[in-house]
PDB file of N, CA and C in Angstrom:
ATOM      1  N   MET A   1     -37.729 -17.115 -13.065  1.00  0.00           N
ATOM      2  CA  MET A   1     -36.761 -17.128 -12.092  1.00  0.00           C
ATOM      3  C   MET A   1     -35.598 -16.911 -13.363  1.00  0.00           C
ATOM      4  N   ALA A   2     -34.672 -16.427 -12.850  1.00  0.00           N
ATOM      5  CA  ALA A   2     -33.346 -16.400 -13.788  1.00  0.00           C
ATOM      6  C   ALA A   2     -32.409 -17.663 -13.522  1.00  0.00           C
ATOM      7  N   VAL A   3     -31.904 -18.214 -14.799  1.00  0.00           N
ATOM      8  CA  VAL A   3     -31.256 -19.684 -14.619  1.00  0.00           C
ATOM      9  C   VAL A   3     -30.051 -19.284 -15.679  1.00  0.00           C
ATOM     10  N   PRO A   4     -28.784 -19.741 -15.140  1.00  0.00           N
ATOM     11  CA  PRO A   4     -27.847 -19.538 -15.980  1.00  0.00           C
ATOM     12  C   PRO A   4     -27.855 -20.374 -17.379  1.00  0.00           C
ATOM     13  N   LYS A   5     -27.247 -19.603 -18.384  1.00  0.00           N
ATOM     14  CA  LYS A   5     -27.282 -20.288 -19.699  1.00  0.00           C
ATOM     15  C   LYS A   5     -26.252 -21.285 -19.630  1.00  0.00           C
ATOM     16  N   ARG A   6     -25.107 -20.977 -19.218  1.00  0.00           N
ATOM     17  CA  ARG A   6     -23.860 -21.684 -19.444  1.00  0.00           C
ATOM     18  C   ARG A   6     -23.200 -21.873 -18.098  1.00  0.00           C
ATOM     19  N   LYS A   7     -22.500 -22.936 -17.819  1.00  0.00           N
ATOM     20  CA  LYS A   7     -21.729 -23.248 -16.756  1.00  0.00           C
ATOM     21  C   LYS A   7     -20.722 -22.011 -16.485  1.00  0.00           C
ATOM     22  N   MET A   8     -20.648 -21.499 -15.366  1.00  0.00           N
ATOM     23  CA  MET A   8     -19.629 -20.646 -14.877  1.00  0.00           C
ATOM     24  C   MET A   8     -18.088 -21.225 -14.467  1.00  0.00           C
ATOM     25  N   SER A   9     -16.864 -20.618 -15.155  1.00  0.00           N
ATOM     26  CA  SER A   9     -15.951 -21.074 -15.060  1.00  0.00           C
ATOM     27  C   SER A   9     -15.272 -21.119 -13.664  1.00  0.00           C
ATOM     28  N   ARG A  10     -14.572 -21.978 -12.940  1.00  0.00           N
ATOM     29  CA  ARG A  10     -13.965 -21.853 -11.761  1.00  0.00           C
ATOM     30  C   ARG A  10     -13.080 -20.471 -11.409  1.00  0.00           C
ATOM     31  N   SER A  11     -12.515 -20.025 -12.661  1.00  0.00           N
ATOM     32  CA  SER A  11     -11.860 -18.408 -12.419  1.00  0.00           C
ATOM     33  C   SER A  11     -12.689 -17.343 -12.072  1.00  0.00           C
ATOM     34  N   ASN A  12     -13.810 -17.631 -13.004  1.00  0.00           N
ATOM     35  CA  ASN A  12     -14.872 -16.567 -12.913  1.00  0.00           C
ATOM     36  C   ASN A  12     -15.461 -16.576 -11.491  1.00  0.00           C
ATOM     37  N   THR A  13     -15.852 -17.635 -11.077  1.00  0.00           N
ATOM     38  CA  THR A  13     -16.579 -18.048  -9.676  1.00  0.00           C
ATOM     39  C   THR A  13     -15.281 -17.521  -8.561  1.00  0.00           C
ATOM     40  N   ARG A  14     -14.420 -17.994  -8.525  1.00  0.00           N
ATOM     41  CA  ARG A  14     -13.214 -17.555  -7.251  1.00  0.00           C
ATOM     42  C   ARG A  14     -13.114 -15.848  -7.451  1.00  0.00           C
ATOM     43  N   SER A  15     -12.998 -15.649  -8.388  1.00  0.00           N
ATOM     44  CA  SER A  15     -12.782 -14.089  -8.575  1.00  0.00           C
ATOM     45  C   SER A  15     -13.969 -13.355  -8.078  1.00  0.00           C
ATOM     46  N   ARG A  16     -14.870 -13.791  -8.285  1.00  0.00           N
ATOM     47  CA  ARG A  16     -16.463 -13.448  -7.734  1.00  0.00           C
ATOM     48  C   ARG A  16     -16.430 -13.444  -6.606  1.00  0.00           C
ATOM     49  N   ARG A  17     -16.112 -14.659  -5.958  1.00  0.00           N
ATOM     50  CA  ARG A  17     -16.189 -14.764  -4.448  1.00  0.00           C
ATOM     51  C   ARG A  17     -14.993 -14.275  -3.662  1.00  0.00           C
ATOM     52  N   ALA A  18     -13.832 -13.816  -4.267  1.00  0.00           N
ATOM     53  CA  ALA A  18     -13.098 -12.933  -3.426  1.00  0.00           C
ATOM     54  C   ALA A  18     -13.562 -11.692  -3.067  1.00  0.00           C
ATOM     55  N   GLN A  19     -14.524 -11.378  -3.753  1.00  0.00           N
ATOM     56  CA  GLN A  19     -14.934  -9.655  -3.155  1.00  0.00           C
ATOM     57  C   GLN A  19     -15.768  -9.768  -1.913  1.00  0.00           C
ATOM     58  N   TRP A  20     -15.828 -10.843  -1.466  1.00  0.00           N
ATOM     59  CA  TRP A  20     -16.765 -10.971  -0.563  1.00  0.00           C
ATOM     60  C   TRP A  20     -16.041 -11.063   1.154  1.00  0.00           C
ATOM     61  N   LYS A  21     -15.476  -9.984   1.249  1.00  0.00           N
ATOM     62  CA  LYS A  21     -14.437  -9.851   2.209  1.00  0.00           C
ATOM     63  C   LYS A  21     -15.208  -9.081   3.537  1.00  0.00           C
ATOM     64  N   THR A  22     -14.897  -9.676   4.728  1.00  0.00           N
ATOM     65  CA  THR A  22     -15.483  -9.159   5.969  1.00  0.00           C
ATOM     66  C   THR A  22     -14.610  -7.716   6.417  1.00  0.00           C
ATOM     67  N   THR A  23     -15.190  -6.920   7.202  1.00  0.00           N
ATOM     68  CA  THR A  23     -14.375  -5.753   7.619  1.00  0.00           C
ATOM     69  C   THR A  23     -14.580  -6.131   9.469  1.00  0.00           C
ATOM     70  N   ALA A  24     -13.852  -5.310  10.003  1.00  0.00           N
ATOM     71  CA  ALA A  24     -13.980  -5.454  11.657  1.00  0.00           C
ATOM     72  C   ALA A  24     -14.581  -4.346  11.936  1.00  0.00           C
ATOM     73  N   PRO A  25     -15.660  -4.768  12.645  1.00  0.00           N
ATOM     74  CA  PRO A  25     -16.451  -3.382  13.452  1.00  0.00           C
ATOM     75  C   PRO A  25     -15.878  -2.229  13.938  1.00  0.00           C
ATOM     76  N   THR A  26     -16.339  -1.166  13.386  1.00  0.00           N
ATOM     77  CA  THR A  26     -16.134  -0.055  14.022  1.00  0.00           C
ATOM     78  C   THR A  26     -16.351   0.271  15.404  1.00  0.00           C
ATOM     79  N   LEU A  27     -15.401   0.514  16.070  1.00  0.00           N
ATOM     80  CA  LEU A  27     -15.444   0.913  17.826  1.00  0.00           C
ATOM     81  C   LEU A  27     -15.471   2.417  17.838  1.00  0.00           C
ATOM     82  N   THR A  28     -16.017   2.691  18.822  1.00  0.00           N
ATOM     83  CA  THR A  28     -16.334   3.850  19.347  1.00  0.00           C
ATOM     84  C   THR A  28     -16.068   4.120  20.576  1.00  0.00           C
ATOM     85  N   THR A  29     -15.707   5.188  21.624  1.00  0.00           N
ATOM     86  CA  THR A  29     -15.445   5.183  22.876  1.00  0.00           C
ATOM     87  C   THR A  29     -16.562   6.367  23.431  1.00  0.00           C
ATOM     88  N   CYS A  30     -17.040   5.744  24.734  1.00  0.00           N
ATOM     89  CA  CYS A  30     -17.980   6.418  25.330  1.00  0.00           C
ATOM     90  C   CYS A  30     -17.633   7.362  26.314  1.00  0.00           C
ATOM     91  N   ASP A  31     -18.215   8.268  26.906  1.00  0.00           N
ATOM     92  CA  ASP A  31     -17.691   9.493  27.692  1.00  0.00           C
ATOM     93  C   ASP A  31     -16.903   9.125  28.723  1.00  0.00           C
ATOM     94  N   ARG A  32     -16.887   7.920  29.367  1.00  0.00           N
ATOM     95  CA  ARG A  32     -15.868   7.554  30.351  1.00  0.00           C
ATOM     96  C   ARG A  32     -14.682   6.593  29.629  1.00  0.00           C
ATOM     97  N   GLY A  33     -14.796   6.360  28.548  1.00  0.00           N
ATOM     98  CA  GLY A  33     -13.571   5.896  27.865  1.00  0.00           C
ATOM     99  C   GLY A  33     -13.786   4.343  27.623  1.00  0.00           C
ATOM    100  N   HIS A  34     -14.793   3.689  27.552  1.00  0.00           N
ATOM    101  CA  HIS A  34     -15.273   2.482  27.430  1.00  0.00           C
ATOM    102  C   HIS A  34     -15.420   2.355  26.277  1.00  0.00           C
ATOM    103  N   VAL A  35     -14.950   1.241  25.508  1.00  0.00           N
ATOM    104  CA  VAL A  35     -14.870   1.070  24.023  1.00  0.00           C
ATOM    105  C   VAL A  35     -16.530   0.167  23.624  1.00  0.00           C
ATOM    106  N   THR A  36     -17.174   0.979  22.647  1.00  0.00           N
ATOM    107  CA  THR A  36     -18.581   0.223  22.376  1.00  0.00           C
ATOM    108  C   THR A  36     -18.699   0.484  21.108  1.00  0.00           C
ATOM    109  N   LEU A  37     -19.719  -0.453  20.435  1.00  0.00           N
ATOM    110  CA  LEU A  37     -20.401  -0.127  19.005  1.00  0.00           C
ATOM    111  C   LEU A  37     -20.637   1.168  18.974  1.00  0.00           C
ATOM    112  N   PRO A  38     -20.731   1.662  17.621  1.00  0.00           N
ATOM    113  CA  PRO A  38     -21.405   2.976  17.532  1.00  0.00           C
ATOM    114  C   PRO A  38     -22.978   2.972  17.812  1.00  0.00           C
ATOM    115  N   HIS A  39     -23.705   4.103  17.962  1.00  0.00           N
ATOM    116  CA  HIS A  39     -25.207   4.078  18.027  1.00  0.00           C
ATOM    117  C   HIS A  39     -25.767   2.882  19.281  1.00  0.00           C
ATOM    118  N   THR A  40     -24.687   2.618  19.990  1.00  0.00           N
ATOM    119  CA  THR A  40     -25.408   1.514  21.042  1.00  0.00           C
ATOM    120  C   THR A  40     -25.326   2.461  22.565  1.00  0.00           C
ATOM    121  N   VAL A  41     -25.973   1.636  23.553  1.00  0.00           N
ATOM    122  CA  VAL A  41     -25.686   1.924  24.850  1.00  0.00           C
ATOM    123  C   VAL A  41     -24.357   1.261  25.460  1.00  0.00           C
ATOM    124  N   CYS A  42     -23.683   2.146  26.180  1.00  0.00           N
ATOM    125  CA  CYS A  42     -22.329   1.024  26.802  1.00  0.00           C
ATOM    126  C   CYS A  42     -22.964   0.437  27.841  1.00  0.00           C
ATOM    127  N   PRO A  43     -22.249  -1.188  27.724  1.00  0.00           N
ATOM    128  CA  PRO A  43     -23.045  -1.850  28.386  1.00  0.00           C
ATOM    129  C   PRO A  43     -21.805  -1.939  29.857  1.00  0.00           C
ATOM    130  N   GLU A  44     -21.016  -1.168  30.115  1.00  0.00           N
ATOM    131  CA  GLU A  44     -20.341  -0.850  31.389  1.00  0.00           C
ATOM    132  C   GLU A  44     -20.742  -0.144  32.192  1.00  0.00           C
ATOM    133  N   CYS A  45     -21.097   1.381  31.344  1.00  0.00           N
ATOM    134  CA  CYS A  45     -21.745   2.259  32.442  1.00  0.00           C
ATOM    135  C   CYS A  45     -23.103   2.740  32.103  1.00  0.00           C
ATOM    136  N   GLY A  46     -23.827   2.028  31.202  1.00  0.00           N
ATOM    137  CA  GLY A  46     -24.891   2.295  30.688  1.00  0.00           C
ATOM    138  C   GLY A  46     -25.461   3.608  30.028  1.00  0.00           C
ATOM    139  N   ARG A  47     -24.677   4.512  29.680  1.00  0.00           N
ATOM    140  CA  ARG A  47     -24.908   5.899  29.133  1.00  0.00           C
ATOM    141  C   ARG A  47     -24.769   5.715  27.414  1.00  0.00           C
ATOM    142  N   TYR A  48     -25.761   6.566  27.232  1.00  0.00           N
ATOM    143  CA  TYR A  48     -25.947   6.768  25.592  1.00  0.00           C
ATOM    144  C   TYR A  48     -25.817   8.217  25.281  1.00  0.00           C
ATOM    145  N   ASP A  49     -25.075   8.865  24.532  1.00  0.00           N
ATOM    146  CA  ASP A  49     -25.246  10.039  24.236  1.00  0.00           C
ATOM    147  C   ASP A  49     -25.279  11.168  25.544  1.00  0.00           C
ATOM    148  N   LYS A  50     -24.303  10.844  26.249  1.00  0.00           N
ATOM    149  CA  LYS A  50     -23.974  11.507  27.648  1.00  0.00           C
ATOM    150  C   LYS A  50     -25.346  11.647  28.506  1.00  0.00           C
ATOM    151  N   ARG A  51     -26.146  10.624  28.360  1.00  0.00           N
ATOM    152  CA  ARG A  51     -27.268  10.275  29.342  1.00  0.00           C
ATOM    153  C   ARG A  51     -26.930   8.993  29.922  1.00  0.00           C
ATOM    154  N   THR A  52     -27.558   8.797  31.208  1.00  0.00           N
ATOM    155  CA  THR A  52     -27.761   7.397  31.702  1.00  0.00           C
ATOM    156  C   THR A  52     -28.947   6.927  31.488  1.00  0.00           C
ATOM    157  N   VAL A  53     -28.782   5.711  30.603  1.00  0.00           N
ATOM    158  CA  VAL A  53     -30.062   5.208  30.037  1.00  0.00           C
ATOM    159  C   VAL A  53     -30.136   3.772  30.950  1.00  0.00           C
ATOM    160  N   LEU A  54     -29.451   3.272  30.974  1.00  0.00           N
ATOM    161  CA  LEU A  54     -29.452   1.926  31.878  1.00  0.00           C
ATOM    162  C   LEU A  54     -28.779   2.215  33.673  1.00  0.00           C
ATOM    163  N   ALA A  55     -29.523   1.608  34.239  1.00  0.00           N
ATOM    164  CA  ALA A  55     -28.817   1.583  35.657  1.00  0.00           C
ATOM    165  C   ALA A  55     -28.269   0.261  35.712  1.00  0.00           C
ATOM    166  N   VAL A  56     -26.831   0.440  35.924  1.00  0.00           N
ATOM    167  CA  VAL A  56     -25.846  -0.653  35.920  1.00  0.00           C
ATOM    168  C   VAL A  56     -25.403  -0.821  37.546  1.00  0.00           C
TER     169      VAL A  56
END
C-alpha cells in the first residue's frame, strides 16, 4: 500500500482540492418539449427515441 513519505503542505492540498469541481447535469428536450436527462425515458410523457415506452 502506498504511504506518503512526507507531510503534504496546506497550499499543495488546497490547490489539489480546487480541481474537484462539480458540473451541472446536461439536459435535453424530448419530442414534445419536456426537459429530461439524456438517454433516459421522459417521466412526463413516457417516450424514448420517438417511441412510447411507458404508459403514463
